[in-house]
Amino acid sequence: MDHSTLEREIHIEAPPEVVFDVVSNPEHVREWWPDEAEYPAEPGGAGRIAFGGNWVGFTVVDATPPKLFSFRWTHAEGETATQDNSFLVVFELEPTATGTRLRMTETGFRERGWDEAKIAAEYADHVSGWDHFLPRIPATTAKAGARQ
């Protein structure tokens, strides 16, 4: 297995504008992914997210409503995010007849300078994580859409 790019795709029965808000706005993101999220949802916006009290850096790379949201994460707090110290996650949103196709890719496993065992372990951990968290987006989107 290559372990260089993790890819997932889901369909969400909501318009791209609502889905974009759910995958970019920290208020909604913490409903489906981390325990805490603090960052401005704009390009260059630096902040942090936490799982179980463990904070990591989070930097928005691109925010093009309602089509694209990308960020780097897992770099040490206070460090500038680079390809050598963080993962890059890209959410691409495409309207469909019944909602939105959300395509997620995550890269950065090979760029960190880890040996093959560490790369495989990190990749497997992220596969497990995204397989758990991405299916939570439709329910969060339904709640967010109902509040609009």
N, C-alpha and C. Protein backbone atom coordinates (compact mmCIF):
# COMPACT_ATOMS: atom_id res chain seq x y z
N MET A 1 0.84 -1.19 0.00
CA MET A 1 0.00 0.00 0.00
C MET A 1 0.88 1.25 0.00
N ASP A 2 0.45 2.26 -0.72
CA ASP A 2 1.24 3.47 -0.91
C ASP A 2 1.30 4.36 0.33
N HIS A 3 0.23 4.50 1.07
CA HIS A 3 0.15 5.33 2.27
C HIS A 3 0.48 6.80 2.03
N SER A 4 0.24 7.30 0.83
CA SER A 4 0.55 8.71 0.60
C SER A 4 -0.69 9.61 0.60
N THR A 5 -1.82 9.07 0.16
CA THR A 5 -3.05 9.87 0.10
C THR A 5 -4.22 9.05 0.59
N LEU A 6 -4.94 9.62 1.53
CA LEU A 6 -6.17 9.01 2.05
C LEU A 6 -7.32 9.74 1.37
N GLU A 7 -8.26 9.01 0.80
CA GLU A 7 -9.38 9.61 0.08
C GLU A 7 -10.70 9.01 0.55
N ARG A 8 -11.69 9.87 0.71
CA ARG A 8 -13.03 9.44 1.05
C ARG A 8 -14.01 10.34 0.31
N GLU A 9 -15.20 9.81 0.05
CA GLU A 9 -16.25 10.58 -0.60
C GLU A 9 -17.58 10.19 0.03
N ILE A 10 -18.39 11.20 0.36
CA ILE A 10 -19.73 10.94 0.89
C ILE A 10 -20.72 11.88 0.21
N HIS A 11 -21.97 11.47 0.21
CA HIS A 11 -23.05 12.31 -0.30
C HIS A 11 -23.83 12.84 0.90
N ILE A 12 -24.16 14.13 0.83
CA ILE A 12 -24.90 14.77 1.92
C ILE A 12 -26.12 15.46 1.31
N GLU A 13 -27.28 15.20 1.88
CA GLU A 13 -28.52 15.77 1.37
C GLU A 13 -28.73 17.18 1.93
N ALA A 14 -27.87 18.08 1.44
CA ALA A 14 -27.95 19.49 1.81
C ALA A 14 -27.18 20.27 0.74
N PRO A 15 -27.51 21.54 0.57
CA PRO A 15 -26.80 22.33 -0.44
C PRO A 15 -25.34 22.58 -0.03
N PRO A 16 -24.47 22.80 -1.02
CA PRO A 16 -23.06 23.02 -0.72
C PRO A 16 -22.80 24.15 0.28
N GLU A 17 -23.63 25.19 0.28
CA GLU A 17 -23.42 26.30 1.21
C GLU A 17 -23.50 25.84 2.66
N VAL A 18 -24.46 24.95 2.95
CA VAL A 18 -24.63 24.44 4.32
C VAL A 18 -23.48 23.48 4.65
N VAL A 19 -23.14 22.60 3.71
CA VAL A 19 -22.06 21.65 3.95
C VAL A 19 -20.74 22.40 4.15
N PHE A 20 -20.50 23.42 3.36
CA PHE A 20 -19.27 24.20 3.52
C PHE A 20 -19.19 24.77 4.94
N ASP A 21 -20.29 25.33 5.42
CA ASP A 21 -20.31 25.89 6.78
C ASP A 21 -19.98 24.82 7.82
N VAL A 22 -20.51 23.62 7.63
CA VAL A 22 -20.30 22.53 8.59
C VAL A 22 -18.85 22.04 8.59
N VAL A 23 -18.17 22.05 7.43
CA VAL A 23 -16.79 21.58 7.40
C VAL A 23 -15.77 22.68 7.64
N SER A 24 -16.21 23.94 7.71
CA SER A 24 -15.25 25.03 7.88
C SER A 24 -15.41 25.83 9.17
N ASN A 25 -16.61 26.02 9.64
CA ASN A 25 -16.89 26.84 10.81
C ASN A 25 -16.58 26.05 12.10
N PRO A 26 -15.67 26.56 12.94
CA PRO A 26 -15.31 25.82 14.16
C PRO A 26 -16.51 25.43 15.03
N GLU A 27 -17.54 26.26 15.04
CA GLU A 27 -18.74 25.96 15.82
C GLU A 27 -19.35 24.63 15.39
N HIS A 28 -19.40 24.39 14.07
CA HIS A 28 -19.96 23.14 13.55
C HIS A 28 -18.93 22.02 13.55
N VAL A 29 -17.69 22.34 13.23
CA VAL A 29 -16.64 21.32 13.14
C VAL A 29 -16.52 20.55 14.45
N ARG A 30 -16.60 21.25 15.57
CA ARG A 30 -16.46 20.55 16.86
C ARG A 30 -17.66 19.67 17.18
N GLU A 31 -18.75 19.79 16.42
CA GLU A 31 -19.90 18.90 16.60
C GLU A 31 -19.65 17.52 15.98
N TRP A 32 -18.80 17.46 14.95
CA TRP A 32 -18.59 16.17 14.28
C TRP A 32 -17.15 15.66 14.35
N TRP A 33 -16.18 16.51 14.72
CA TRP A 33 -14.79 16.06 14.67
C TRP A 33 -14.06 16.27 15.99
N PRO A 34 -13.34 17.37 16.24
CA PRO A 34 -12.58 17.46 17.48
C PRO A 34 -13.46 17.88 18.65
N ASP A 35 -12.90 17.74 19.86
CA ASP A 35 -13.62 18.19 21.05
C ASP A 35 -13.67 19.72 21.11
N GLU A 36 -12.59 20.34 20.66
CA GLU A 36 -12.48 21.80 20.67
C GLU A 36 -11.89 22.25 19.35
N ALA A 37 -12.28 23.44 18.90
CA ALA A 37 -11.74 24.01 17.67
C ALA A 37 -11.73 25.53 17.81
N GLU A 38 -10.56 26.11 17.61
CA GLU A 38 -10.41 27.57 17.72
C GLU A 38 -9.54 28.03 16.56
N TYR A 39 -10.16 28.64 15.56
CA TYR A 39 -9.41 29.17 14.42
C TYR A 39 -10.32 30.06 13.59
N PRO A 40 -9.76 31.06 12.90
CA PRO A 40 -10.56 31.82 11.95
C PRO A 40 -10.65 31.03 10.65
N ALA A 41 -11.84 30.89 10.10
CA ALA A 41 -12.07 30.07 8.91
C ALA A 41 -11.79 30.87 7.64
N GLU A 42 -10.57 31.37 7.54
CA GLU A 42 -10.15 32.15 6.37
C GLU A 42 -8.72 31.76 6.02
N PRO A 43 -8.34 31.91 4.75
CA PRO A 43 -6.98 31.52 4.35
C PRO A 43 -5.92 32.17 5.24
N GLY A 44 -5.00 31.34 5.73
CA GLY A 44 -3.96 31.81 6.63
C GLY A 44 -4.37 31.82 8.09
N GLY A 45 -5.65 31.55 8.35
CA GLY A 45 -6.15 31.55 9.73
C GLY A 45 -5.50 30.45 10.55
N ALA A 46 -4.77 30.85 11.56
CA ALA A 46 -4.06 29.88 12.41
C ALA A 46 -4.78 29.75 13.75
N GLY A 47 -4.84 28.52 14.22
CA GLY A 47 -5.49 28.26 15.50
C GLY A 47 -5.10 26.89 15.99
N ARG A 48 -6.07 26.20 16.60
CA ARG A 48 -5.78 24.89 17.16
C ARG A 48 -7.06 24.09 17.32
N ILE A 49 -6.89 22.76 17.39
CA ILE A 49 -8.00 21.87 17.69
C ILE A 49 -7.51 20.89 18.76
N ALA A 50 -8.46 20.29 19.47
CA ALA A 50 -8.08 19.37 20.55
C ALA A 50 -8.93 18.12 20.52
N PHE A 51 -8.28 17.02 20.81
CA PHE A 51 -8.94 15.73 21.03
C PHE A 51 -8.52 15.28 22.42
N GLY A 52 -9.49 15.11 23.32
CA GLY A 52 -9.18 14.66 24.67
C GLY A 52 -8.21 15.55 25.40
N GLY A 53 -8.28 16.86 25.15
CA GLY A 53 -7.40 17.80 25.84
C GLY A 53 -6.03 17.96 25.22
N ASN A 54 -5.73 17.20 24.17
CA ASN A 54 -4.43 17.31 23.49
C ASN A 54 -4.58 18.24 22.29
N TRP A 55 -3.98 19.42 22.40
CA TRP A 55 -4.09 20.43 21.35
C TRP A 55 -3.03 20.24 20.28
N VAL A 56 -3.42 20.49 19.03
CA VAL A 56 -2.49 20.51 17.91
C VAL A 56 -2.80 21.73 17.06
N GLY A 57 -1.80 22.15 16.29
CA GLY A 57 -1.98 23.30 15.42
C GLY A 57 -2.95 23.01 14.29
N PHE A 58 -3.60 24.06 13.82
CA PHE A 58 -4.58 23.99 12.73
C PHE A 58 -4.46 25.29 11.96
N THR A 59 -4.18 25.21 10.67
CA THR A 59 -4.03 26.40 9.84
C THR A 59 -4.84 26.25 8.56
N VAL A 60 -5.73 27.20 8.32
CA VAL A 60 -6.54 27.18 7.11
C VAL A 60 -5.67 27.56 5.91
N VAL A 61 -5.72 26.72 4.88
CA VAL A 61 -4.96 26.97 3.66
C VAL A 61 -5.83 27.70 2.64
N ASP A 62 -7.04 27.19 2.42
CA ASP A 62 -7.92 27.79 1.43
C ASP A 62 -9.36 27.70 1.93
N ALA A 63 -10.13 28.73 1.66
CA ALA A 63 -11.55 28.75 1.98
C ALA A 63 -12.26 29.45 0.83
N THR A 64 -12.85 28.66 -0.06
CA THR A 64 -13.54 29.19 -1.22
C THR A 64 -14.99 28.69 -1.18
N PRO A 65 -15.87 29.42 -0.46
CA PRO A 65 -17.25 28.98 -0.34
C PRO A 65 -17.94 28.95 -1.71
N PRO A 66 -18.82 28.03 -1.95
CA PRO A 66 -19.08 26.81 -1.20
C PRO A 66 -18.39 25.60 -1.83
N LYS A 67 -17.18 25.80 -2.39
CA LYS A 67 -16.55 24.75 -3.19
C LYS A 67 -15.38 24.03 -2.53
N LEU A 68 -14.59 24.74 -1.73
CA LEU A 68 -13.32 24.17 -1.26
C LEU A 68 -12.95 24.72 0.11
N PHE A 69 -12.55 23.81 0.99
CA PHE A 69 -11.98 24.19 2.28
C PHE A 69 -10.81 23.27 2.54
N SER A 70 -9.64 23.83 2.81
CA SER A 70 -8.47 23.00 3.10
C SER A 70 -7.70 23.57 4.28
N PHE A 71 -7.01 22.66 4.97
CA PHE A 71 -6.26 23.07 6.15
C PHE A 71 -5.10 22.12 6.38
N ARG A 72 -4.13 22.61 7.14
CA ARG A 72 -3.03 21.78 7.64
C ARG A 72 -3.26 21.60 9.13
N TRP A 73 -2.91 20.41 9.62
CA TRP A 73 -3.12 20.16 11.05
C TRP A 73 -2.07 19.19 11.58
N THR A 74 -1.98 19.13 12.88
CA THR A 74 -1.10 18.30 13.70
C THR A 74 0.29 18.90 13.90
N HIS A 75 0.56 20.07 13.37
CA HIS A 75 1.83 20.71 13.68
C HIS A 75 1.77 21.21 15.13
N ALA A 76 2.94 21.37 15.73
CA ALA A 76 2.99 21.84 17.12
C ALA A 76 2.40 23.24 17.21
N GLU A 77 1.68 23.49 18.28
CA GLU A 77 1.11 24.82 18.49
C GLU A 77 2.23 25.86 18.44
N GLY A 78 1.96 26.96 17.75
CA GLY A 78 2.94 28.02 17.65
C GLY A 78 3.90 27.87 16.47
N GLU A 79 3.94 26.69 15.85
CA GLU A 79 4.77 26.48 14.66
C GLU A 79 3.99 26.86 13.41
N THR A 80 4.71 27.31 12.40
CA THR A 80 4.09 27.55 11.10
C THR A 80 3.89 26.20 10.42
N ALA A 81 2.71 25.97 9.90
CA ALA A 81 2.40 24.70 9.23
C ALA A 81 3.14 24.62 7.90
N THR A 82 3.83 23.50 7.69
CA THR A 82 4.52 23.23 6.43
C THR A 82 4.23 21.79 6.02
N GLN A 83 4.65 21.41 4.83
CA GLN A 83 4.45 20.03 4.39
C GLN A 83 5.29 19.05 5.20
N ASP A 84 6.32 19.55 5.88
CA ASP A 84 7.20 18.68 6.66
C ASP A 84 6.72 18.43 8.10
N ASN A 85 5.74 19.22 8.58
CA ASN A 85 5.32 19.05 9.98
C ASN A 85 3.82 18.90 10.17
N SER A 86 3.08 18.74 9.06
CA SER A 86 1.61 18.68 9.21
C SER A 86 0.99 17.89 8.06
N PHE A 87 -0.26 17.52 8.27
CA PHE A 87 -1.05 16.87 7.24
C PHE A 87 -1.88 17.93 6.52
N LEU A 88 -2.15 17.72 5.25
CA LEU A 88 -3.02 18.61 4.47
C LEU A 88 -4.32 17.88 4.19
N VAL A 89 -5.43 18.49 4.61
CA VAL A 89 -6.76 17.95 4.35
C VAL A 89 -7.48 18.92 3.41
N VAL A 90 -8.08 18.35 2.36
CA VAL A 90 -8.82 19.14 1.39
C VAL A 90 -10.24 18.59 1.29
N PHE A 91 -11.21 19.47 1.49
CA PHE A 91 -12.62 19.14 1.28
C PHE A 91 -13.06 19.83 -0.01
N GLU A 92 -13.48 19.04 -0.99
CA GLU A 92 -14.02 19.57 -2.23
C GLU A 92 -15.52 19.29 -2.23
N LEU A 93 -16.33 20.31 -2.51
CA LEU A 93 -17.77 20.18 -2.49
C LEU A 93 -18.31 20.39 -3.90
N GLU A 94 -19.18 19.47 -4.32
CA GLU A 94 -19.76 19.55 -5.65
C GLU A 94 -21.26 19.35 -5.53
N PRO A 95 -22.05 20.29 -6.09
CA PRO A 95 -23.50 20.11 -6.02
C PRO A 95 -23.94 18.90 -6.84
N THR A 96 -24.96 18.22 -6.33
CA THR A 96 -25.59 17.10 -7.05
C THR A 96 -27.08 17.40 -7.13
N ALA A 97 -27.81 16.53 -7.80
CA ALA A 97 -29.26 16.72 -7.92
C ALA A 97 -29.96 16.67 -6.57
N THR A 98 -29.36 15.95 -5.61
CA THR A 98 -30.02 15.77 -4.31
C THR A 98 -29.21 16.30 -3.13
N GLY A 99 -28.20 17.11 -3.40
CA GLY A 99 -27.40 17.65 -2.30
C GLY A 99 -25.98 17.99 -2.70
N THR A 100 -25.02 17.40 -1.98
CA THR A 100 -23.61 17.73 -2.18
C THR A 100 -22.76 16.47 -2.12
N ARG A 101 -21.83 16.37 -3.06
CA ARG A 101 -20.80 15.33 -2.98
C ARG A 101 -19.61 15.97 -2.28
N LEU A 102 -19.21 15.39 -1.16
CA LEU A 102 -18.06 15.87 -0.39
C LEU A 102 -16.91 14.89 -0.59
N ARG A 103 -15.84 15.39 -1.18
CA ARG A 103 -14.65 14.57 -1.40
C ARG A 103 -13.56 15.09 -0.46
N MET A 104 -13.02 14.19 0.35
CA MET A 104 -11.97 14.53 1.30
C MET A 104 -10.69 13.80 0.90
N THR A 105 -9.58 14.53 0.87
CA THR A 105 -8.28 13.90 0.70
C THR A 105 -7.37 14.41 1.81
N GLU A 106 -6.51 13.52 2.28
CA GLU A 106 -5.52 13.89 3.28
C GLU A 106 -4.17 13.37 2.80
N THR A 107 -3.19 14.26 2.80
CA THR A 107 -1.82 13.92 2.41
C THR A 107 -0.86 14.39 3.49
N GLY A 108 0.40 14.00 3.34
CA GLY A 108 1.42 14.44 4.29
C GLY A 108 2.03 13.31 5.10
N PHE A 109 1.66 12.09 4.79
CA PHE A 109 2.18 10.96 5.56
C PHE A 109 3.65 10.71 5.24
N ARG A 110 4.03 10.82 3.98
CA ARG A 110 5.40 10.53 3.56
C ARG A 110 6.34 11.73 3.74
N GLU A 111 5.80 12.92 3.80
CA GLU A 111 6.61 14.13 3.88
C GLU A 111 7.19 14.39 5.27
N ARG A 112 6.76 13.65 6.27
CA ARG A 112 7.17 13.93 7.64
C ARG A 112 8.53 13.34 8.01
N GLY A 113 9.12 12.54 7.12
CA GLY A 113 10.43 11.97 7.40
C GLY A 113 10.39 10.73 8.27
N TRP A 114 9.22 10.10 8.37
CA TRP A 114 9.06 8.91 9.20
C TRP A 114 9.51 7.67 8.44
N ASP A 115 9.83 6.61 9.21
CA ASP A 115 10.14 5.32 8.57
C ASP A 115 8.82 4.67 8.15
N GLU A 116 8.93 3.60 7.35
CA GLU A 116 7.74 2.95 6.78
C GLU A 116 6.76 2.46 7.84
N ALA A 117 7.26 1.95 8.96
CA ALA A 117 6.37 1.45 10.02
C ALA A 117 5.56 2.60 10.61
N LYS A 118 6.19 3.73 10.85
CA LYS A 118 5.50 4.89 11.41
C LYS A 118 4.49 5.44 10.40
N ILE A 119 4.87 5.51 9.12
CA ILE A 119 3.95 5.98 8.09
C ILE A 119 2.71 5.09 8.05
N ALA A 120 2.92 3.77 8.04
CA ALA A 120 1.80 2.82 7.98
C ALA A 120 0.90 2.97 9.21
N ALA A 121 1.49 3.14 10.38
CA ALA A 121 0.71 3.27 11.62
C ALA A 121 -0.11 4.57 11.61
N GLU A 122 0.51 5.67 11.22
CA GLU A 122 -0.20 6.95 11.17
C GLU A 122 -1.33 6.90 10.14
N TYR A 123 -1.04 6.32 8.98
CA TYR A 123 -2.04 6.19 7.93
C TYR A 123 -3.23 5.38 8.44
N ALA A 124 -2.96 4.24 9.07
CA ALA A 124 -4.03 3.39 9.60
C ALA A 124 -4.84 4.13 10.66
N ASP A 125 -4.18 4.91 11.50
CA ASP A 125 -4.87 5.69 12.53
C ASP A 125 -5.80 6.72 11.89
N HIS A 126 -5.33 7.37 10.84
CA HIS A 126 -6.15 8.38 10.18
C HIS A 126 -7.30 7.75 9.39
N VAL A 127 -7.07 6.58 8.78
CA VAL A 127 -8.16 5.85 8.12
C VAL A 127 -9.27 5.57 9.13
N SER A 128 -8.89 5.04 10.26
CA SER A 128 -9.85 4.74 11.32
C SER A 128 -10.57 6.01 11.78
N GLY A 129 -9.82 7.07 11.98
CA GLY A 129 -10.41 8.33 12.43
C GLY A 129 -11.40 8.90 11.45
N TRP A 130 -11.00 9.04 10.19
CA TRP A 130 -11.91 9.60 9.19
C TRP A 130 -13.11 8.69 8.95
N ASP A 131 -12.92 7.38 9.02
CA ASP A 131 -14.06 6.46 8.86
C ASP A 131 -15.06 6.61 10.00
N HIS A 132 -14.60 7.07 11.14
CA HIS A 132 -15.49 7.33 12.28
C HIS A 132 -16.15 8.72 12.17
N PHE A 133 -15.34 9.74 11.84
CA PHE A 133 -15.83 11.11 11.91
C PHE A 133 -16.61 11.58 10.68
N LEU A 134 -16.19 11.23 9.47
CA LEU A 134 -16.89 11.72 8.28
C LEU A 134 -18.37 11.34 8.24
N PRO A 135 -18.76 10.13 8.64
CA PRO A 135 -20.19 9.80 8.64
C PRO A 135 -21.02 10.64 9.60
N ARG A 136 -20.39 11.40 10.46
CA ARG A 136 -21.11 12.27 11.38
C ARG A 136 -21.51 13.60 10.73
N ILE A 137 -20.90 13.92 9.59
CA ILE A 137 -21.16 15.20 8.93
C ILE A 137 -22.62 15.34 8.47
N PRO A 138 -23.24 14.33 7.86
CA PRO A 138 -24.64 14.51 7.43
C PRO A 138 -25.59 14.90 8.56
N ALA A 139 -25.48 14.29 9.72
CA ALA A 139 -26.37 14.64 10.84
C ALA A 139 -26.10 16.07 11.31
N THR A 140 -24.84 16.46 11.37
CA THR A 140 -24.50 17.83 11.76
C THR A 140 -25.04 18.81 10.73
N THR A 141 -24.93 18.43 9.47
CA THR A 141 -25.44 19.28 8.39
C THR A 141 -26.95 19.43 8.48
N ALA A 142 -27.65 18.36 8.79
CA ALA A 142 -29.11 18.42 8.93
C ALA A 142 -29.50 19.39 10.04
N LYS A 143 -28.77 19.34 11.16
CA LYS A 143 -29.05 20.26 12.28
C LYS A 143 -28.73 21.69 11.87
N ALA A 144 -27.60 21.89 11.21
CA ALA A 144 -27.20 23.24 10.79
C ALA A 144 -28.19 23.82 9.78
N GLY A 145 -28.64 22.98 8.85
CA GLY A 145 -29.61 23.43 7.85
C GLY A 145 -30.94 23.80 8.49
N ALA A 146 -31.34 23.09 9.53
CA ALA A 146 -32.60 23.37 10.22
C ALA A 146 -32.53 24.70 10.98
N ARG A 147 -31.30 25.11 11.40
CA ARG A 147 -31.15 26.37 12.13
C ARG A 147 -31.10 27.57 11.22
N GLN A 148 -30.92 27.36 9.92
CA GLN A 148 -30.80 28.49 9.01
C GLN A 148 -32.14 29.06 8.63
